[in-house]
Amino acid sequence: MLVTLVAILCNGQLCLEKVVTNNEQSGITMAACQVNGQIGIADWLANGPYQEWKLKGYKCVLGKFTPKHDA
């Protein structure tokens, strides 16, 4: 079963859902996603284009995830 780690990011009033990784890319499990998701997102934020954005939350989703424009 596909597991996807999704970050909810905000910059002012604009909020976005962004896929950080899934188990096809990193081999994460649902349990590892729930326990270690913040660590993965912190690394992803530090090395990506969303460094100025604030993390509002994250979620671990079973199956394919299609981000919404506004969270």
C-alpha atoms as a PDB file:
ATOM      1  CA  MET A   1       0.000   0.000   0.000  1.00  0.00           C
ATOM      2  CA  LEU A   2       1.279   3.427  -0.967  1.00  0.00           C
ATOM      3  CA  VAL A   3       2.051   5.803   1.954  1.00  0.00           C
ATOM      4  CA  THR A   4       2.507   9.532   1.279  1.00  0.00           C
ATOM      5  CA  LEU A   5       3.911  12.181   3.655  1.00  0.00           C
ATOM      6  CA  VAL A   6       2.214  15.548   3.063  1.00  0.00           C
ATOM      7  CA  ALA A   7       3.279  18.904   4.535  1.00  0.00           C
ATOM      8  CA  ILE A   8       0.788  21.728   5.080  1.00  0.00           C
ATOM      9  CA  LEU A   9       2.725  24.967   4.586  1.00  0.00           C
ATOM     10  CA  CYS A  10       1.637  28.576   5.007  1.00  0.00           C
ATOM     11  CA  ASN A  11       3.156  31.866   3.910  1.00  0.00           C
ATOM     12  CA  GLY A  12       0.935  34.588   5.302  1.00  0.00           C
ATOM     13  CA  GLN A  13      -2.645  33.580   4.502  1.00  0.00           C
ATOM     14  CA  LEU A  14      -1.664  31.372   1.556  1.00  0.00           C
ATOM     15  CA  CYS A  15      -1.498  27.702   2.550  1.00  0.00           C
ATOM     16  CA  LEU A  16      -0.480  24.766   0.378  1.00  0.00           C
ATOM     17  CA  GLU A  17      -0.309  20.995   0.696  1.00  0.00           C
ATOM     18  CA  LYS A  18       2.948  19.593  -0.678  1.00  0.00           C
ATOM     19  CA  VAL A  19       3.950  15.952  -1.060  1.00  0.00           C
ATOM     20  CA  VAL A  20       7.269  15.482   0.745  1.00  0.00           C
ATOM     21  CA  THR A  21       7.849  11.828  -0.103  1.00  0.00           C
ATOM     22  CA  ASN A  22       6.129   8.487  -0.458  1.00  0.00           C
ATOM     23  CA  ASN A  23       7.191   4.922   0.131  1.00  0.00           C
ATOM     24  CA  GLU A  24       8.030   4.453  -3.562  1.00  0.00           C
ATOM     25  CA  GLN A  25      10.705   7.151  -3.124  1.00  0.00           C
ATOM     26  CA  SER A  26      11.903   6.542   0.421  1.00  0.00           C
ATOM     27  CA  GLY A  27      10.443   3.247   1.653  1.00  0.00           C
ATOM     28  CA  ILE A  28       8.526   4.853   4.561  1.00  0.00           C
ATOM     29  CA  THR A  29       5.818   2.900   6.337  1.00  0.00           C
ATOM     30  CA  MET A  30       2.679   4.377   7.868  1.00  0.00           C
ATOM     31  CA  ALA A  31       4.120   3.933  11.379  1.00  0.00           C
ATOM     32  CA  ALA A  32       7.446   5.566  10.416  1.00  0.00           C
ATOM     33  CA  CYS A  33       5.586   8.394   8.693  1.00  0.00           C
ATOM     34  CA  GLN A  34       3.519   9.121  11.794  1.00  0.00           C
ATOM     35  CA  VAL A  35       6.470   8.903  14.206  1.00  0.00           C
ATOM     36  CA  ASN A  36       9.247  10.482  12.100  1.00  0.00           C
ATOM     37  CA  GLY A  37       7.297  12.679   9.687  1.00  0.00           C
ATOM     38  CA  GLN A  38       8.408  15.934  11.316  1.00  0.00           C
ATOM     39  CA  ILE A  39      12.071  14.989  10.973  1.00  0.00           C
ATOM     40  CA  GLY A  40      11.671  14.280   7.263  1.00  0.00           C
ATOM     41  CA  ILE A  41       9.766  17.502   6.712  1.00  0.00           C
ATOM     42  CA  ALA A  42      12.364  19.582   8.604  1.00  0.00           C
ATOM     43  CA  ASP A  43      15.122  18.228   6.352  1.00  0.00           C
ATOM     44  CA  TRP A  44      12.952  18.739   3.254  1.00  0.00           C
ATOM     45  CA  LEU A  45      12.188  22.348   4.251  1.00  0.00           C
ATOM     46  CA  ALA A  46      15.829  23.157   5.033  1.00  0.00           C
ATOM     47  CA  ASN A  47      16.997  21.953   1.613  1.00  0.00           C
ATOM     48  CA  GLY A  48      14.106  23.017  -0.603  1.00  0.00           C
ATOM     49  CA  PRO A  49      12.360  26.051  -2.049  1.00  0.00           C
ATOM     50  CA  TYR A  50       9.938  26.483   0.872  1.00  0.00           C
ATOM     51  CA  GLN A  51      12.420  27.708   3.501  1.00  0.00           C
ATOM     52  CA  GLU A  52      10.427  30.922   4.071  1.00  0.00           C
ATOM     53  CA  TRP A  53       7.164  29.021   4.618  1.00  0.00           C
ATOM     54  CA  LYS A  54       5.867  27.915   8.032  1.00  0.00           C
ATOM     55  CA  LEU A  55       4.831  24.352   8.707  1.00  0.00           C
ATOM     56  CA  LYS A  56       1.189  24.353   9.803  1.00  0.00           C
ATOM     57  CA  GLY A  57       0.968  20.570  10.036  1.00  0.00           C
ATOM     58  CA  TYR A  58       1.525  17.305   8.253  1.00  0.00           C
ATOM     59  CA  LYS A  59      -0.333  14.130   7.511  1.00  0.00           C
ATOM     60  CA  CYS A  60       0.373  10.600   6.413  1.00  0.00           C
ATOM     61  CA  VAL A  61      -1.989   9.426   3.703  1.00  0.00           C
ATOM     62  CA  LEU A  62      -2.660   5.918   2.456  1.00  0.00           C
ATOM     63  CA  GLY A  63      -2.705   5.715  -1.331  1.00  0.00           C
ATOM     64  CA  LYS A  64      -2.031   8.337  -3.958  1.00  0.00           C
ATOM     65  CA  PHE A  65      -2.464  11.913  -2.742  1.00  0.00           C
ATOM     66  CA  THR A  66      -3.381  14.871  -4.910  1.00  0.00           C
ATOM     67  CA  PRO A  67      -2.574  18.146  -3.115  1.00  0.00           C
ATOM     68  CA  LYS A  68      -5.204  20.860  -2.860  1.00  0.00           C
ATOM     69  CA  HIS A  69      -4.178  24.398  -3.728  1.00  0.00           C
ATOM     70  CA  ASP A  70      -5.409  25.723  -0.368  1.00  0.00           C
ATOM     71  CA  ALA A  71      -5.276  23.665   2.816  1.00  0.00           C
END
